[in-house]
Amino acid sequence: MRVIAGEAKGRRLKSVPGDSTRPILDRIKENLFNIIGMENVRGTHWLDLFAGTGGVGIEALSRGCDYCLFIDSSREAIRTVEHNLRLTELADRADVLRDNAFVYLKRQPDDDEGFDYIFIAPPQYKNMWEKALRSLDQKPEWLVPNGVAVVQIDPQEYEEFELAHLTLYDKRIYGNTMLCFYERE
C-alpha cells in the first residue's frame, strides 16, 4: 500500500496490525481519485470515517486537499494513521480523532465544519455503511452543498434504500469492492 500521486508519491504506508481492517487496494484508490479528478481534490476538506490506515485521506492530502479529519474507534488504527501522517509529512493539515463514527455524525456540525468529501469504509457485512449513510442523511450539513460521500463496500452488501438529502449518482465495481458515490443536493 502506497501513496499514488502528489507530494508524498511513492511512500509506503504502514498497515494496521491484525486483520481488523481492510485497506483499499492501490488500483481501487487510483480509480477513486481518477473518478473524482485531481482538480476536484485541491483545496477541499475531507472526512475519512473508519479511517483504518488512513490511506484515502492521506492520498487526498498528497494530491492537494487542504484538510482531512481521520476518525476511527480502534486505538491501533489511530496509531497507524498518526504514523502514516508523520511518514508522509502531511500531519500539519490533518487531525486524527479516536471516536465512534456514529456518535460523531449525530452531533450538530458547526457552520464551518462541512466537508467536500466523506469517505465511508466500515467493517464489512454488518450494514454499518447503510447506518453511516443514513446518519449522514439526517445531518446533511456534514457535507457542503454538492459535497460527495463515497462508500466502499463488498458488492454483495449493496442494496438500494431511500435517502432524503443524498442521491446515488455513480457506482463502480472492481472485483469484490464496490464504490458508491452519493451527492448532497
N, C-alpha and C. Protein backbone atom coordinates (compact mmCIF):
# COMPACT_ATOMS: atom_id res chain seq x y z
N MET A 1 0.84 -1.16 0.00
CA MET A 1 0.00 0.00 0.00
C MET A 1 0.90 1.24 0.00
N ARG A 2 0.60 2.14 -0.94
CA ARG A 2 1.47 3.30 -1.10
C ARG A 2 0.64 4.51 -1.50
N VAL A 3 1.27 5.68 -1.41
CA VAL A 3 0.66 6.90 -1.90
C VAL A 3 0.93 6.94 -3.40
N ILE A 4 -0.12 7.16 -4.18
CA ILE A 4 -0.02 7.01 -5.63
C ILE A 4 0.45 8.28 -6.33
N ALA A 5 -0.01 9.44 -5.87
CA ALA A 5 0.31 10.68 -6.57
C ALA A 5 0.47 11.83 -5.59
N GLY A 6 1.02 12.93 -6.09
CA GLY A 6 1.13 14.14 -5.29
C GLY A 6 2.44 14.23 -4.53
N GLU A 7 2.45 15.09 -3.50
CA GLU A 7 3.69 15.40 -2.80
C GLU A 7 4.27 14.23 -2.00
N ALA A 8 3.49 13.25 -1.64
CA ALA A 8 4.01 12.08 -0.91
C ALA A 8 4.07 10.84 -1.79
N LYS A 9 4.02 11.04 -3.09
CA LYS A 9 4.00 9.93 -4.06
C LYS A 9 5.11 8.92 -3.77
N GLY A 10 4.71 7.64 -3.80
CA GLY A 10 5.66 6.54 -3.65
C GLY A 10 5.91 6.11 -2.22
N ARG A 11 5.48 6.88 -1.23
CA ARG A 11 5.71 6.48 0.16
C ARG A 11 4.84 5.30 0.50
N ARG A 12 5.45 4.31 1.14
CA ARG A 12 4.72 3.10 1.55
C ARG A 12 4.07 3.35 2.91
N LEU A 13 2.81 3.01 3.01
CA LEU A 13 2.07 3.20 4.24
C LEU A 13 2.06 1.93 5.08
N LYS A 14 2.09 2.12 6.38
CA LYS A 14 2.03 1.01 7.33
C LYS A 14 0.58 0.53 7.42
N SER A 15 0.39 -0.78 7.57
CA SER A 15 -0.94 -1.35 7.76
C SER A 15 -1.25 -1.45 9.25
N VAL A 16 -2.54 -1.48 9.56
CA VAL A 16 -2.97 -1.70 10.94
C VAL A 16 -2.65 -3.14 11.30
N PRO A 17 -1.99 -3.39 12.43
CA PRO A 17 -1.69 -4.77 12.83
C PRO A 17 -2.97 -5.60 12.96
N GLY A 18 -2.87 -6.87 12.62
CA GLY A 18 -4.03 -7.77 12.72
C GLY A 18 -4.86 -7.74 11.46
N ASP A 19 -6.06 -8.29 11.54
CA ASP A 19 -6.93 -8.36 10.36
C ASP A 19 -8.25 -7.63 10.58
N SER A 20 -8.24 -6.62 11.45
CA SER A 20 -9.47 -5.89 11.76
C SER A 20 -9.83 -4.86 10.69
N THR A 21 -8.88 -4.49 9.82
CA THR A 21 -9.17 -3.52 8.77
C THR A 21 -8.91 -4.13 7.41
N ARG A 22 -9.51 -3.53 6.41
CA ARG A 22 -9.31 -3.96 5.03
C ARG A 22 -8.91 -2.74 4.22
N PRO A 23 -7.61 -2.47 4.13
CA PRO A 23 -7.18 -1.27 3.40
C PRO A 23 -7.59 -1.34 1.94
N ILE A 24 -7.88 -0.18 1.40
CA ILE A 24 -8.25 -0.09 -0.01
C ILE A 24 -7.03 -0.45 -0.86
N LEU A 25 -7.25 -1.23 -1.88
CA LEU A 25 -6.17 -1.61 -2.79
C LEU A 25 -5.74 -0.39 -3.60
N ASP A 26 -4.46 -0.34 -3.93
CA ASP A 26 -3.92 0.81 -4.66
C ASP A 26 -4.66 1.06 -5.97
N ARG A 27 -4.99 0.00 -6.70
CA ARG A 27 -5.65 0.19 -8.00
C ARG A 27 -7.06 0.76 -7.83
N ILE A 28 -7.74 0.38 -6.75
CA ILE A 28 -9.08 0.92 -6.49
C ILE A 28 -8.98 2.37 -6.03
N LYS A 29 -7.98 2.65 -5.19
CA LYS A 29 -7.75 4.03 -4.74
C LYS A 29 -7.43 4.92 -5.94
N GLU A 30 -6.62 4.41 -6.85
CA GLU A 30 -6.29 5.18 -8.05
C GLU A 30 -7.54 5.45 -8.88
N ASN A 31 -8.40 4.44 -9.04
CA ASN A 31 -9.65 4.62 -9.78
C ASN A 31 -10.55 5.65 -9.08
N LEU A 32 -10.63 5.58 -7.76
CA LEU A 32 -11.42 6.53 -6.98
C LEU A 32 -11.00 7.96 -7.29
N PHE A 33 -9.69 8.22 -7.23
CA PHE A 33 -9.20 9.58 -7.46
C PHE A 33 -9.26 9.97 -8.93
N ASN A 34 -9.21 9.01 -9.85
CA ASN A 34 -9.42 9.33 -11.26
C ASN A 34 -10.86 9.76 -11.51
N ILE A 35 -11.81 9.11 -10.82
CA ILE A 35 -13.22 9.47 -10.96
C ILE A 35 -13.45 10.87 -10.39
N ILE A 36 -12.90 11.16 -9.24
CA ILE A 36 -13.07 12.47 -8.61
C ILE A 36 -12.37 13.55 -9.43
N GLY A 37 -11.17 13.25 -9.89
CA GLY A 37 -10.40 14.21 -10.68
C GLY A 37 -9.50 15.07 -9.81
N MET A 38 -8.26 15.21 -10.21
CA MET A 38 -7.26 15.96 -9.45
C MET A 38 -7.73 17.39 -9.16
N GLU A 39 -8.34 18.03 -10.15
CA GLU A 39 -8.78 19.42 -9.98
C GLU A 39 -9.88 19.54 -8.94
N ASN A 40 -10.60 18.46 -8.66
CA ASN A 40 -11.67 18.48 -7.66
C ASN A 40 -11.20 18.11 -6.26
N VAL A 41 -9.92 17.79 -6.10
CA VAL A 41 -9.35 17.45 -4.79
C VAL A 41 -8.68 18.67 -4.18
N ARG A 42 -7.99 19.45 -4.99
CA ARG A 42 -7.25 20.62 -4.48
C ARG A 42 -8.16 21.58 -3.73
N GLY A 43 -7.72 21.97 -2.54
CA GLY A 43 -8.44 22.98 -1.76
C GLY A 43 -9.66 22.47 -1.01
N THR A 44 -9.88 21.17 -0.99
CA THR A 44 -11.08 20.61 -0.36
C THR A 44 -10.80 20.15 1.07
N HIS A 45 -11.89 19.84 1.78
CA HIS A 45 -11.83 19.27 3.13
C HIS A 45 -12.45 17.87 3.08
N TRP A 46 -11.76 16.93 3.72
CA TRP A 46 -12.17 15.52 3.69
C TRP A 46 -12.40 15.00 5.10
N LEU A 47 -13.32 14.04 5.21
CA LEU A 47 -13.53 13.26 6.43
C LEU A 47 -13.34 11.81 6.05
N ASP A 48 -12.37 11.15 6.68
CA ASP A 48 -12.10 9.74 6.44
C ASP A 48 -12.65 8.97 7.64
N LEU A 49 -13.92 8.50 7.52
CA LEU A 49 -14.57 7.74 8.58
C LEU A 49 -14.07 6.30 8.55
N PHE A 50 -14.01 5.66 9.69
CA PHE A 50 -13.49 4.29 9.77
C PHE A 50 -12.13 4.27 9.07
N ALA A 51 -11.25 5.17 9.46
CA ALA A 51 -10.04 5.51 8.72
C ALA A 51 -9.08 4.34 8.50
N GLY A 52 -9.00 3.40 9.42
CA GLY A 52 -8.06 2.28 9.24
C GLY A 52 -6.64 2.77 9.14
N THR A 53 -6.02 2.59 7.99
CA THR A 53 -4.63 3.04 7.76
C THR A 53 -4.56 4.52 7.42
N GLY A 54 -5.70 5.09 7.03
CA GLY A 54 -5.73 6.48 6.59
C GLY A 54 -5.38 6.65 5.13
N GLY A 55 -5.34 5.57 4.39
CA GLY A 55 -4.86 5.59 3.01
C GLY A 55 -5.59 6.55 2.09
N VAL A 56 -6.91 6.63 2.19
CA VAL A 56 -7.66 7.50 1.30
C VAL A 56 -7.46 8.96 1.67
N GLY A 57 -7.58 9.29 2.95
CA GLY A 57 -7.36 10.67 3.38
C GLY A 57 -5.95 11.15 3.10
N ILE A 58 -4.98 10.28 3.30
CA ILE A 58 -3.58 10.64 3.02
C ILE A 58 -3.37 10.86 1.52
N GLU A 59 -4.01 10.05 0.71
CA GLU A 59 -3.93 10.25 -0.74
C GLU A 59 -4.53 11.61 -1.11
N ALA A 60 -5.66 11.96 -0.49
CA ALA A 60 -6.27 13.27 -0.76
C ALA A 60 -5.34 14.40 -0.34
N LEU A 61 -4.73 14.28 0.83
CA LEU A 61 -3.77 15.30 1.29
C LEU A 61 -2.59 15.41 0.33
N SER A 62 -2.07 14.28 -0.10
CA SER A 62 -0.94 14.27 -1.01
C SER A 62 -1.28 14.95 -2.34
N ARG A 63 -2.55 14.83 -2.74
CA ARG A 63 -3.00 15.40 -4.02
C ARG A 63 -3.47 16.85 -3.87
N GLY A 64 -3.35 17.42 -2.68
CA GLY A 64 -3.61 18.84 -2.54
C GLY A 64 -4.85 19.25 -1.78
N CYS A 65 -5.53 18.32 -1.11
CA CYS A 65 -6.66 18.78 -0.30
C CYS A 65 -6.10 19.59 0.87
N ASP A 66 -6.88 20.55 1.35
CA ASP A 66 -6.42 21.46 2.40
C ASP A 66 -6.41 20.82 3.78
N TYR A 67 -7.36 19.89 4.02
CA TYR A 67 -7.52 19.36 5.37
C TYR A 67 -8.23 18.01 5.31
N CYS A 68 -7.85 17.12 6.23
CA CYS A 68 -8.54 15.85 6.38
C CYS A 68 -8.65 15.50 7.85
N LEU A 69 -9.84 15.11 8.27
CA LEU A 69 -10.08 14.59 9.61
C LEU A 69 -10.23 13.08 9.49
N PHE A 70 -9.42 12.35 10.27
CA PHE A 70 -9.46 10.89 10.29
C PHE A 70 -10.17 10.46 11.57
N ILE A 71 -11.17 9.58 11.45
CA ILE A 71 -11.88 9.07 12.62
C ILE A 71 -11.87 7.55 12.58
N ASP A 72 -11.51 6.96 13.70
CA ASP A 72 -11.60 5.52 13.87
C ASP A 72 -11.75 5.25 15.36
N SER A 73 -12.42 4.16 15.71
CA SER A 73 -12.61 3.81 17.12
C SER A 73 -11.49 2.92 17.64
N SER A 74 -10.68 2.38 16.76
CA SER A 74 -9.60 1.47 17.14
C SER A 74 -8.33 2.23 17.51
N ARG A 75 -7.80 1.93 18.66
CA ARG A 75 -6.55 2.55 19.11
C ARG A 75 -5.41 2.23 18.14
N GLU A 76 -5.34 0.99 17.67
CA GLU A 76 -4.28 0.59 16.72
C GLU A 76 -4.41 1.34 15.40
N ALA A 77 -5.64 1.51 14.93
CA ALA A 77 -5.84 2.25 13.68
C ALA A 77 -5.40 3.71 13.85
N ILE A 78 -5.75 4.31 14.97
CA ILE A 78 -5.36 5.70 15.22
C ILE A 78 -3.84 5.83 15.23
N ARG A 79 -3.17 4.92 15.91
CA ARG A 79 -1.69 4.94 15.93
C ARG A 79 -1.13 4.80 14.52
N THR A 80 -1.74 3.93 13.73
CA THR A 80 -1.28 3.70 12.35
C THR A 80 -1.47 4.95 11.50
N VAL A 81 -2.63 5.59 11.59
CA VAL A 81 -2.87 6.83 10.83
C VAL A 81 -1.85 7.89 11.24
N GLU A 82 -1.64 8.06 12.54
CA GLU A 82 -0.66 9.06 13.01
C GLU A 82 0.74 8.76 12.48
N HIS A 83 1.13 7.48 12.50
CA HIS A 83 2.43 7.07 11.96
C HIS A 83 2.52 7.41 10.47
N ASN A 84 1.46 7.06 9.72
CA ASN A 84 1.45 7.30 8.27
C ASN A 84 1.46 8.78 7.93
N LEU A 85 0.82 9.59 8.75
CA LEU A 85 0.86 11.04 8.52
C LEU A 85 2.27 11.60 8.76
N ARG A 86 2.93 11.10 9.81
CA ARG A 86 4.33 11.54 10.05
C ARG A 86 5.23 11.07 8.90
N LEU A 87 5.05 9.83 8.48
CA LEU A 87 5.86 9.25 7.41
C LEU A 87 5.74 10.05 6.11
N THR A 88 4.54 10.51 5.82
CA THR A 88 4.29 11.25 4.57
C THR A 88 4.48 12.76 4.73
N GLU A 89 4.75 13.18 5.96
CA GLU A 89 4.94 14.61 6.27
C GLU A 89 3.70 15.44 5.92
N LEU A 90 2.52 14.88 6.18
CA LEU A 90 1.26 15.56 5.88
C LEU A 90 0.45 15.88 7.13
N ALA A 91 1.02 15.62 8.30
CA ALA A 91 0.29 15.75 9.57
C ALA A 91 -0.16 17.18 9.87
N ASP A 92 0.50 18.17 9.31
CA ASP A 92 0.15 19.56 9.62
C ASP A 92 -1.19 19.99 9.03
N ARG A 93 -1.75 19.20 8.11
CA ARG A 93 -3.05 19.53 7.51
C ARG A 93 -4.12 18.52 7.90
N ALA A 94 -3.89 17.80 9.00
CA ALA A 94 -4.81 16.73 9.38
C ALA A 94 -5.04 16.73 10.89
N ASP A 95 -6.16 16.15 11.26
CA ASP A 95 -6.46 15.83 12.66
C ASP A 95 -6.87 14.37 12.70
N VAL A 96 -6.54 13.72 13.80
CA VAL A 96 -6.87 12.31 13.98
C VAL A 96 -7.67 12.21 15.28
N LEU A 97 -8.82 11.58 15.20
CA LEU A 97 -9.73 11.52 16.34
C LEU A 97 -10.15 10.08 16.59
N ARG A 98 -9.93 9.64 17.82
CA ARG A 98 -10.43 8.31 18.20
C ARG A 98 -11.85 8.49 18.72
N ASP A 99 -12.81 8.03 17.93
CA ASP A 99 -14.21 8.22 18.27
C ASP A 99 -15.04 7.20 17.49
N ASN A 100 -16.27 7.02 17.94
CA ASN A 100 -17.23 6.20 17.24
C ASN A 100 -17.83 7.05 16.12
N ALA A 101 -17.77 6.58 14.90
CA ALA A 101 -18.23 7.35 13.75
C ALA A 101 -19.70 7.73 13.89
N PHE A 102 -20.53 6.85 14.42
CA PHE A 102 -21.96 7.13 14.53
C PHE A 102 -22.24 8.20 15.58
N VAL A 103 -21.50 8.17 16.66
CA VAL A 103 -21.63 9.21 17.69
C VAL A 103 -21.20 10.55 17.11
N TYR A 104 -20.10 10.55 16.37
CA TYR A 104 -19.60 11.78 15.76
C TYR A 104 -20.64 12.37 14.80
N LEU A 105 -21.24 11.55 13.95
CA LEU A 105 -22.19 12.04 12.97
C LEU A 105 -23.50 12.51 13.59
N LYS A 106 -23.80 12.08 14.80
CA LYS A 106 -25.04 12.51 15.46
C LYS A 106 -24.97 13.93 15.98
N ARG A 107 -23.76 14.41 16.25
CA ARG A 107 -23.68 15.77 16.78
C ARG A 107 -23.91 16.78 15.66
N GLN A 108 -24.31 17.97 16.06
CA GLN A 108 -24.58 19.02 15.09
C GLN A 108 -23.26 19.67 14.66
N PRO A 109 -22.96 19.67 13.37
CA PRO A 109 -21.71 20.31 12.93
C PRO A 109 -21.79 21.82 13.08
N ASP A 110 -20.65 22.43 13.34
CA ASP A 110 -20.56 23.89 13.35
C ASP A 110 -20.79 24.40 11.93
N ASP A 111 -21.06 25.67 11.81
CA ASP A 111 -21.35 26.26 10.49
C ASP A 111 -20.22 26.06 9.48
N ASP A 112 -18.98 26.05 9.96
CA ASP A 112 -17.84 25.93 9.04
C ASP A 112 -17.25 24.52 9.00
N GLU A 113 -17.99 23.53 9.48
CA GLU A 113 -17.46 22.17 9.57
C GLU A 113 -17.79 21.27 8.39
N GLY A 114 -18.49 21.74 7.39
CA GLY A 114 -18.87 20.88 6.28
C GLY A 114 -17.67 20.37 5.50
N PHE A 115 -17.78 19.15 5.01
CA PHE A 115 -16.72 18.51 4.24
C PHE A 115 -17.13 18.43 2.77
N ASP A 116 -16.14 18.54 1.90
CA ASP A 116 -16.38 18.36 0.48
C ASP A 116 -16.54 16.88 0.14
N TYR A 117 -15.76 16.04 0.83
CA TYR A 117 -15.81 14.59 0.61
C TYR A 117 -15.80 13.87 1.95
N ILE A 118 -16.66 12.86 2.05
CA ILE A 118 -16.64 11.97 3.21
C ILE A 118 -16.47 10.56 2.67
N PHE A 119 -15.40 9.90 3.11
CA PHE A 119 -15.12 8.53 2.67
C PHE A 119 -15.56 7.58 3.78
N ILE A 120 -16.41 6.62 3.44
CA ILE A 120 -17.01 5.69 4.40
C ILE A 120 -16.63 4.28 4.02
N ALA A 121 -15.77 3.65 4.82
CA ALA A 121 -15.34 2.27 4.55
C ALA A 121 -15.35 1.48 5.85
N PRO A 122 -16.54 1.14 6.36
CA PRO A 122 -16.63 0.44 7.66
C PRO A 122 -16.36 -1.06 7.52
N PRO A 123 -16.26 -1.75 8.66
CA PRO A 123 -16.14 -3.21 8.60
C PRO A 123 -17.28 -3.80 7.76
N GLN A 124 -16.94 -4.85 7.02
CA GLN A 124 -17.89 -5.44 6.08
C GLN A 124 -18.96 -6.29 6.75
N TYR A 125 -20.05 -6.47 6.02
CA TYR A 125 -21.14 -7.40 6.32
C TYR A 125 -21.83 -7.12 7.65
N LYS A 126 -21.87 -5.87 8.07
CA LYS A 126 -22.56 -5.52 9.31
C LYS A 126 -23.57 -4.39 9.08
N ASN A 127 -23.83 -4.06 7.82
CA ASN A 127 -24.71 -2.96 7.43
C ASN A 127 -24.30 -1.62 8.04
N MET A 128 -23.04 -1.51 8.43
CA MET A 128 -22.56 -0.26 9.02
C MET A 128 -22.51 0.85 7.98
N TRP A 129 -22.27 0.51 6.73
CA TRP A 129 -22.23 1.52 5.68
C TRP A 129 -23.60 2.18 5.54
N GLU A 130 -24.65 1.38 5.60
CA GLU A 130 -26.01 1.92 5.50
C GLU A 130 -26.33 2.80 6.71
N LYS A 131 -25.96 2.34 7.88
CA LYS A 131 -26.19 3.12 9.10
C LYS A 131 -25.44 4.46 9.04
N ALA A 132 -24.19 4.43 8.58
CA ALA A 132 -23.40 5.67 8.46
C ALA A 132 -24.03 6.60 7.42
N LEU A 133 -24.46 6.07 6.30
CA LEU A 133 -25.07 6.89 5.26
C LEU A 133 -26.39 7.49 5.73
N ARG A 134 -27.18 6.71 6.45
CA ARG A 134 -28.45 7.23 7.00
C ARG A 134 -28.18 8.31 8.04
N SER A 135 -27.15 8.12 8.87
CA SER A 135 -26.78 9.15 9.85
C SER A 135 -26.37 10.44 9.14
N LEU A 136 -25.60 10.31 8.09
CA LEU A 136 -25.18 11.46 7.30
C LEU A 136 -26.39 12.12 6.64
N ASP A 137 -27.33 11.33 6.17
CA ASP A 137 -28.54 11.85 5.54
C ASP A 137 -29.39 12.66 6.53
N GLN A 138 -29.34 12.28 7.80
CA GLN A 138 -30.09 13.01 8.83
C GLN A 138 -29.42 14.33 9.19
N LYS A 139 -28.12 14.44 8.96
CA LYS A 139 -27.38 15.68 9.20
C LYS A 139 -26.58 16.01 7.94
N PRO A 140 -27.28 16.35 6.85
CA PRO A 140 -26.58 16.55 5.58
C PRO A 140 -25.58 17.70 5.61
N GLU A 141 -25.70 18.58 6.62
CA GLU A 141 -24.76 19.70 6.69
C GLU A 141 -23.33 19.27 7.00
N TRP A 142 -23.11 17.98 7.29
CA TRP A 142 -21.73 17.47 7.37
C TRP A 142 -21.05 17.60 6.01
N LEU A 143 -21.86 17.60 4.95
CA LEU A 143 -21.35 17.81 3.59
C LEU A 143 -21.70 19.23 3.15
N VAL A 144 -20.77 19.89 2.47
CA VAL A 144 -21.09 21.18 1.86
C VAL A 144 -22.11 20.92 0.75
N PRO A 145 -22.85 21.96 0.31
CA PRO A 145 -23.74 21.74 -0.85
C PRO A 145 -22.94 21.15 -2.02
N ASN A 146 -23.49 20.16 -2.64
CA ASN A 146 -22.85 19.40 -3.73
C ASN A 146 -21.67 18.57 -3.25
N GLY A 147 -21.51 18.42 -1.93
CA GLY A 147 -20.47 17.55 -1.38
C GLY A 147 -20.78 16.09 -1.70
N VAL A 148 -19.76 15.25 -1.60
CA VAL A 148 -19.88 13.86 -2.01
C VAL A 148 -19.48 12.92 -0.88
N ALA A 149 -20.31 11.91 -0.66
CA ALA A 149 -19.97 10.81 0.24
C ALA A 149 -19.65 9.60 -0.64
N VAL A 150 -18.51 8.99 -0.39
CA VAL A 150 -18.09 7.80 -1.14
C VAL A 150 -18.09 6.63 -0.17
N VAL A 151 -18.79 5.56 -0.55
CA VAL A 151 -18.88 4.37 0.28
C VAL A 151 -18.11 3.24 -0.39
N GLN A 152 -17.28 2.56 0.40
CA GLN A 152 -16.55 1.38 -0.10
C GLN A 152 -17.12 0.16 0.61
N ILE A 153 -17.70 -0.76 -0.16
CA ILE A 153 -18.29 -1.98 0.39
C ILE A 153 -18.02 -3.15 -0.54
N ASP A 154 -18.36 -4.34 -0.09
CA ASP A 154 -18.38 -5.52 -0.95
C ASP A 154 -19.68 -5.43 -1.76
N PRO A 155 -19.67 -5.72 -3.06
CA PRO A 155 -20.89 -5.62 -3.87
C PRO A 155 -22.06 -6.44 -3.31
N GLN A 156 -21.77 -7.53 -2.60
CA GLN A 156 -22.84 -8.35 -2.02
C GLN A 156 -23.60 -7.60 -0.92
N GLU A 157 -22.98 -6.59 -0.33
CA GLU A 157 -23.62 -5.80 0.72
C GLU A 157 -24.59 -4.76 0.17
N TYR A 158 -24.43 -4.39 -1.07
CA TYR A 158 -25.19 -3.26 -1.61
C TYR A 158 -26.68 -3.54 -1.67
N GLU A 159 -27.43 -2.54 -1.29
CA GLU A 159 -28.87 -2.54 -1.50
C GLU A 159 -29.32 -1.09 -1.63
N GLU A 160 -30.34 -0.88 -2.41
CA GLU A 160 -30.86 0.48 -2.57
C GLU A 160 -31.80 0.78 -1.42
N PHE A 161 -31.79 2.03 -0.99
CA PHE A 161 -32.73 2.48 0.03
C PHE A 161 -32.95 3.97 -0.14
N GLU A 162 -34.04 4.43 0.40
CA GLU A 162 -34.47 5.82 0.26
C GLU A 162 -33.67 6.74 1.17
N LEU A 163 -33.18 7.84 0.62
CA LEU A 163 -32.50 8.89 1.38
C LEU A 163 -33.15 10.22 1.05
N ALA A 164 -33.22 11.12 2.03
CA ALA A 164 -33.89 12.40 1.84
C ALA A 164 -32.99 13.47 1.22
N HIS A 165 -31.70 13.46 1.57
CA HIS A 165 -30.81 14.55 1.17
C HIS A 165 -29.63 14.12 0.31
N LEU A 166 -29.42 12.83 0.17
CA LEU A 166 -28.30 12.30 -0.61
C LEU A 166 -28.82 11.49 -1.78
N THR A 167 -28.15 11.64 -2.91
CA THR A 167 -28.57 10.92 -4.11
C THR A 167 -27.40 10.12 -4.66
N LEU A 168 -27.64 8.84 -4.91
CA LEU A 168 -26.63 7.99 -5.55
C LEU A 168 -26.51 8.43 -7.00
N TYR A 169 -25.28 8.80 -7.41
CA TYR A 169 -25.12 9.23 -8.80
C TYR A 169 -24.13 8.36 -9.58
N ASP A 170 -23.42 7.47 -8.90
CA ASP A 170 -22.50 6.59 -9.61
C ASP A 170 -22.14 5.42 -8.70
N LYS A 171 -21.90 4.28 -9.30
CA LYS A 171 -21.36 3.14 -8.55
C LYS A 171 -20.49 2.34 -9.50
N ARG A 172 -19.38 1.87 -8.96
CA ARG A 172 -18.40 1.12 -9.74
C ARG A 172 -18.03 -0.13 -8.97
N ILE A 173 -17.82 -1.22 -9.70
CA ILE A 173 -17.42 -2.48 -9.08
C ILE A 173 -16.05 -2.87 -9.62
N TYR A 174 -15.16 -3.20 -8.69
CA TYR A 174 -13.81 -3.66 -9.02
C TYR A 174 -13.61 -4.97 -8.25
N GLY A 175 -13.92 -6.10 -8.87
CA GLY A 175 -13.80 -7.38 -8.19
C GLY A 175 -14.73 -7.43 -6.99
N ASN A 176 -14.16 -7.60 -5.79
CA ASN A 176 -15.00 -7.70 -4.59
C ASN A 176 -15.09 -6.36 -3.83
N THR A 177 -14.87 -5.26 -4.56
CA THR A 177 -15.01 -3.92 -3.98
C THR A 177 -15.94 -3.08 -4.83
N MET A 178 -16.85 -2.40 -4.14
CA MET A 178 -17.78 -1.51 -4.81
C MET A 178 -17.61 -0.11 -4.23
N LEU A 179 -17.57 0.88 -5.10
CA LEU A 179 -17.56 2.28 -4.68
C LEU A 179 -18.88 2.90 -5.10
N CYS A 180 -19.57 3.50 -4.13
CA CYS A 180 -20.84 4.17 -4.38
C CYS A 180 -20.68 5.65 -4.08
N PHE A 181 -21.12 6.51 -4.98
CA PHE A 181 -20.95 7.95 -4.86
C PHE A 181 -22.31 8.61 -4.64
N TYR A 182 -22.44 9.29 -3.50
CA TYR A 182 -23.68 9.97 -3.15
C TYR A 182 -23.40 11.47 -3.05
N GLU A 183 -24.28 12.27 -3.65
CA GLU A 183 -24.11 13.73 -3.65
C GLU A 183 -25.19 14.37 -2.79
N ARG A 184 -24.78 15.39 -2.03
CA ARG A 184 -25.76 16.17 -1.29
C ARG A 184 -26.43 17.13 -2.26
N GLU A 185 -27.73 17.13 -2.25
CA GLU A 185 -28.48 18.01 -3.17
C GLU A 185 -28.57 19.40 -2.60
